Amino acid sequence: MRKKKQHPRSACARRTAGVTLDHAAPWYDWLAPLMTLGLEARLQRRVVAGLRTDRPMAALDVGCGTGTLTRQLHAAIPAGPGRRVVGLDAAEAMIAVARRKAAGREGLEFQAALAEELPHADGTFDRAISTFFFHHLNYDLKRRALAELWRILRPGGQAAILDVDIPYSWFGRLCAYSGYWLFRQPEIKENITGRLREALDAGPFRGHWRIASRHSGYLSLFELKKPETKKETT
């Protein structure tokens, strides 16, 4: 495999070993639907629909890119005290676009930060989502990012991850391996061989996740839950 071209990275992005996409920010909103064969909008609706958002709450979108899904999540959560939706990405150019598109929306904010070092206190969020992000992380970073998701979720919190997974059809294998060879990312190969599932089982979400649905022969929507804290009995 040829050596992968190195693109310029923002100051925040240079702090992570994960793949970041500062260089793709100007055309990302055109590229993402193309890479999902036109299914991006439908998949995003599926992610949001799988979350319980029946009251004002705090939610986090990890690897938010230009914030398309973050804005959908914000719209799905009822307005009121306590509604706070945060989109987070290491690519500062992506965050700049996301902030511009979200200008004026109360309770919606974007931060340049790392998934493996979330800048939030324990138990800050009720919900967390991440789409097409974990295939940019190597196995160690996958585990660290998942541990951070667990940490920032409140007891009873819910998370959803949509990403490349073990292919289950010839079309899925074609799509998954084409992406791997096109982008020359070993992190994608890890997802194809099931290492995202391994990372889920190796951390605090062990026994608290399931595959809610599968799509396009190679994508999985993972549902993660943090159990309620057991009440002490007297």
Protein backbone atom coordinates (compact mmCIF):
# COMPACT_ATOMS: atom_id res chain seq x y z
CA MET A 1 0.00 0.00 0.00
CA ARG A 2 1.32 3.44 -0.94
CA LYS A 3 2.19 5.86 1.83
CA LYS A 4 -0.79 8.02 2.72
CA LYS A 5 -0.57 11.72 1.93
CA GLN A 6 -0.30 13.91 5.02
CA HIS A 7 -2.72 16.84 5.09
CA PRO A 8 -2.33 20.05 7.13
CA ARG A 9 -3.79 19.72 10.64
CA SER A 10 -5.01 22.39 13.03
CA ALA A 11 -3.42 22.85 16.44
CA CYS A 12 -6.08 20.75 18.17
CA ALA A 13 -5.87 18.01 15.54
CA ARG A 14 -2.10 17.73 15.99
CA ARG A 15 -2.70 16.60 19.56
CA THR A 16 -4.27 13.30 18.48
CA ALA A 17 -3.01 10.25 16.63
CA GLY A 18 -6.45 9.86 15.09
CA VAL A 19 -7.30 10.83 11.52
CA THR A 20 -8.67 14.37 11.25
CA LEU A 21 -10.25 16.19 8.33
CA ASP A 22 -9.42 19.89 8.50
CA HIS A 23 -8.56 19.76 4.80
CA ALA A 24 -12.02 18.41 3.87
CA ALA A 25 -14.08 21.05 5.69
CA PRO A 26 -14.89 23.21 2.61
CA TRP A 27 -16.56 20.35 0.73
CA TYR A 28 -17.44 17.89 3.50
CA ASP A 29 -21.19 18.52 3.24
CA TRP A 30 -21.01 17.41 -0.39
CA LEU A 31 -18.62 14.53 0.21
CA ALA A 32 -20.44 12.81 3.10
CA PRO A 33 -23.65 11.99 1.17
CA LEU A 34 -21.53 10.69 -1.71
CA MET A 35 -19.52 8.37 0.55
CA THR A 36 -22.73 6.94 2.04
CA LEU A 37 -24.30 6.38 -1.39
CA GLY A 38 -26.96 8.99 -0.66
CA LEU A 39 -28.04 7.40 2.61
CA GLU A 40 -26.54 9.94 5.01
CA ALA A 41 -29.79 11.77 5.81
CA ARG A 42 -31.77 8.56 6.35
CA LEU A 43 -29.07 7.09 8.56
CA GLN A 44 -28.86 10.25 10.63
CA ARG A 45 -32.62 10.20 11.17
CA ARG A 46 -32.32 6.59 12.31
CA VAL A 47 -29.65 7.52 14.86
CA VAL A 48 -31.70 10.34 16.37
CA ALA A 49 -34.93 8.31 16.33
CA GLY A 50 -33.26 5.59 18.40
CA LEU A 51 -32.63 7.99 21.28
CA ARG A 52 -35.19 8.97 23.89
CA THR A 53 -35.38 12.74 23.57
CA ASP A 54 -38.73 13.43 25.21
CA ARG A 55 -37.53 16.16 27.59
CA PRO A 56 -34.94 18.93 27.72
CA MET A 57 -31.57 17.28 28.21
CA ALA A 58 -27.84 17.55 27.56
CA ALA A 59 -26.40 15.70 24.56
CA LEU A 60 -22.98 15.36 22.94
CA ASP A 61 -22.01 14.62 19.32
CA VAL A 62 -18.45 13.26 19.14
CA GLY A 63 -16.67 13.74 15.81
CA CYS A 64 -19.40 16.10 14.66
CA GLY A 65 -17.75 17.37 11.47
CA THR A 66 -19.72 20.34 10.16
CA GLY A 67 -22.52 19.70 12.64
CA THR A 68 -25.31 18.42 10.40
CA LEU A 69 -26.34 15.65 12.79
CA THR A 70 -25.70 17.85 15.83
CA ARG A 71 -28.27 20.33 14.56
CA GLN A 72 -30.78 17.51 13.98
CA LEU A 73 -30.24 16.27 17.53
CA HIS A 74 -30.73 19.79 18.86
CA ALA A 75 -34.02 20.08 16.96
CA ALA A 76 -35.22 16.73 18.35
CA ILE A 77 -34.72 17.72 21.99
CA PRO A 78 -37.56 19.85 23.42
CA ALA A 79 -36.65 23.41 24.30
CA GLY A 80 -36.48 24.30 27.97
CA PRO A 81 -34.14 24.62 30.93
CA GLY A 82 -31.43 21.99 30.69
CA ARG A 83 -31.34 21.65 26.90
CA ARG A 84 -27.71 21.76 25.85
CA VAL A 85 -26.30 20.12 22.74
CA VAL A 86 -22.55 20.12 22.11
CA GLY A 87 -20.78 19.12 18.90
CA LEU A 88 -17.13 18.23 19.24
CA ASP A 89 -14.39 17.62 16.67
CA ALA A 90 -10.59 17.85 16.65
CA ALA A 91 -10.60 19.51 13.21
CA GLU A 92 -10.86 23.22 13.91
CA ALA A 93 -11.84 23.96 10.31
CA MET A 94 -14.85 21.65 10.70
CA ILE A 95 -15.84 23.40 13.92
CA ALA A 96 -15.62 26.80 12.22
CA VAL A 97 -18.11 25.66 9.56
CA ALA A 98 -20.38 24.09 12.20
CA ARG A 99 -20.46 27.29 14.25
CA ARG A 100 -21.31 29.36 11.20
CA LYS A 101 -24.20 27.06 10.25
CA ALA A 102 -25.57 27.00 13.81
CA ALA A 103 -25.37 30.71 14.53
CA GLY A 104 -28.19 31.96 16.72
CA ARG A 105 -29.49 28.58 17.92
CA GLU A 106 -29.88 28.70 21.67
CA GLY A 107 -28.46 25.76 23.59
CA LEU A 108 -26.26 24.59 20.69
CA GLU A 109 -22.47 24.92 20.79
CA PHE A 110 -19.38 23.50 19.09
CA GLN A 111 -15.95 22.79 20.53
CA ALA A 112 -12.56 21.84 19.10
CA ALA A 113 -11.47 18.99 21.37
CA LEU A 114 -10.36 15.34 21.39
CA ALA A 115 -12.64 12.34 21.82
CA GLU A 116 -10.04 10.63 24.00
CA GLU A 117 -9.81 13.69 26.27
CA LEU A 118 -13.33 15.08 26.52
CA PRO A 119 -13.32 18.51 28.22
CA HIS A 120 -16.38 17.77 30.36
CA ALA A 121 -16.97 16.66 33.90
CA ASP A 122 -18.19 13.20 34.86
CA GLY A 123 -21.91 12.70 34.26
CA THR A 124 -22.43 15.86 32.20
CA PHE A 125 -24.61 14.40 29.42
CA ASP A 126 -27.81 12.37 29.14
CA ARG A 127 -27.16 11.31 25.54
CA ALA A 128 -24.16 10.95 23.24
CA ILE A 129 -23.86 10.12 19.56
CA SER A 130 -21.05 9.49 17.10
CA THR A 131 -21.41 8.72 13.39
CA PHE A 132 -18.66 7.72 10.97
CA PHE A 133 -16.00 8.72 13.47
CA PHE A 134 -14.64 5.61 15.20
CA HIS A 135 -13.08 4.34 11.96
CA HIS A 136 -10.72 7.32 12.26
CA LEU A 137 -9.31 6.01 15.56
CA ASN A 138 -6.82 3.22 16.13
CA TYR A 139 -7.70 0.50 18.63
CA ASP A 140 -6.10 2.25 21.61
CA LEU A 141 -7.93 5.49 20.84
CA LYS A 142 -11.19 3.59 20.30
CA ARG A 143 -10.90 2.24 23.84
CA ARG A 144 -9.97 5.61 25.30
CA ALA A 145 -12.82 7.40 23.50
CA LEU A 146 -15.34 4.80 24.68
CA ALA A 147 -14.08 5.14 28.26
CA GLU A 148 -14.60 8.89 27.97
CA LEU A 149 -18.15 8.40 26.66
CA TRP A 150 -18.91 6.24 29.68
CA ARG A 151 -17.41 8.84 32.02
CA ILE A 152 -19.38 11.84 30.73
CA LEU A 153 -22.72 10.00 30.56
CA ARG A 154 -25.03 10.27 33.53
CA PRO A 155 -26.32 7.02 35.08
CA GLY A 156 -29.15 5.88 32.83
CA GLY A 157 -27.57 7.70 29.90
CA GLN A 158 -27.73 6.42 26.35
CA ALA A 159 -25.29 6.61 23.43
CA ALA A 160 -25.38 5.61 19.77
CA ILE A 161 -22.48 4.89 17.42
CA LEU A 162 -22.97 4.40 13.67
CA ASP A 163 -19.89 3.21 11.86
CA VAL A 164 -18.11 0.74 9.62
CA ASP A 165 -18.33 -2.78 11.04
CA ILE A 166 -17.81 -6.40 9.95
CA PRO A 167 -19.35 -6.71 6.45
CA TYR A 168 -22.22 -9.16 6.11
CA SER A 169 -22.79 -9.16 2.32
CA TRP A 170 -20.72 -9.10 -0.85
CA PHE A 171 -21.85 -5.51 -1.46
CA GLY A 172 -20.84 -4.57 2.07
CA ARG A 173 -17.42 -6.15 1.64
CA LEU A 174 -16.98 -4.24 -1.61
CA CYS A 175 -17.89 -0.92 0.03
CA ALA A 176 -15.86 -1.48 3.19
CA TYR A 177 -12.67 -2.64 1.50
CA SER A 178 -12.97 0.01 -1.22
CA GLY A 179 -12.98 2.66 1.50
CA TYR A 180 -10.00 1.03 3.17
CA TRP A 181 -7.94 0.99 -0.01
CA LEU A 182 -9.08 4.44 -1.15
CA PHE A 183 -8.20 6.21 2.08
CA ARG A 184 -5.37 3.86 3.11
CA GLN A 185 -6.45 3.91 6.74
CA PRO A 186 -5.60 0.90 8.92
CA GLU A 187 -8.20 2.21 11.35
CA ILE A 188 -10.91 1.32 8.81
CA LYS A 189 -9.46 -2.19 8.51
CA GLU A 190 -9.74 -2.52 12.29
CA ASN A 191 -13.48 -1.86 12.13
CA ILE A 192 -13.88 -4.29 9.23
CA THR A 193 -12.25 -7.03 11.30
CA GLY A 194 -14.40 -6.34 14.37
CA ARG A 195 -12.05 -4.34 16.55
CA LEU A 196 -14.68 -1.74 17.41
CA ARG A 197 -16.73 -4.55 18.92
CA GLU A 198 -13.61 -5.71 20.77
CA ALA A 199 -13.08 -2.21 22.14
CA LEU A 200 -16.67 -2.11 23.39
CA ASP A 201 -16.16 -5.43 25.17
CA ALA A 202 -12.78 -4.39 26.60
CA GLY A 203 -14.09 -1.32 28.43
CA PRO A 204 -16.86 -0.15 30.74
CA PHE A 205 -19.60 -0.72 28.16
CA ARG A 206 -19.00 -4.49 28.27
CA GLY A 207 -22.43 -6.10 28.62
CA HIS A 208 -24.14 -2.76 28.04
CA TRP A 209 -24.20 -2.52 24.25
CA ARG A 210 -25.98 -4.14 21.35
CA ILE A 211 -26.28 -3.78 17.59
CA ALA A 212 -29.62 -2.05 17.07
CA SER A 213 -29.61 -2.27 13.26
CA ARG A 214 -27.34 -2.93 10.28
CA HIS A 215 -27.16 -1.05 6.98
CA SER A 216 -25.68 -1.25 3.48
CA GLY A 217 -23.95 -4.54 4.18
CA TYR A 218 -21.16 -3.09 6.32
CA LEU A 219 -22.52 -0.44 8.73
CA SER A 220 -23.77 -1.05 12.26
CA LEU A 221 -25.73 1.15 14.62
CA PHE A 222 -24.51 0.35 18.12
CA GLU A 223 -26.71 1.21 21.10
CA LEU A 224 -24.84 1.79 24.36
CA LYS A 225 -26.30 2.31 27.82
CA LYS A 226 -24.91 3.31 31.18
CA PRO A 227 -26.95 1.59 33.88
CA GLU A 228 -28.81 3.51 36.53
CA THR A 229 -27.00 3.76 39.83
CA LYS A 230 -28.33 1.19 42.27
CA LYS A 231 -30.14 2.80 45.15
CA GLU A 232 -28.92 1.91 48.60
CA THR A 233 -31.38 0.06 50.81
CA THR A 234 -31.70 0.56 54.51
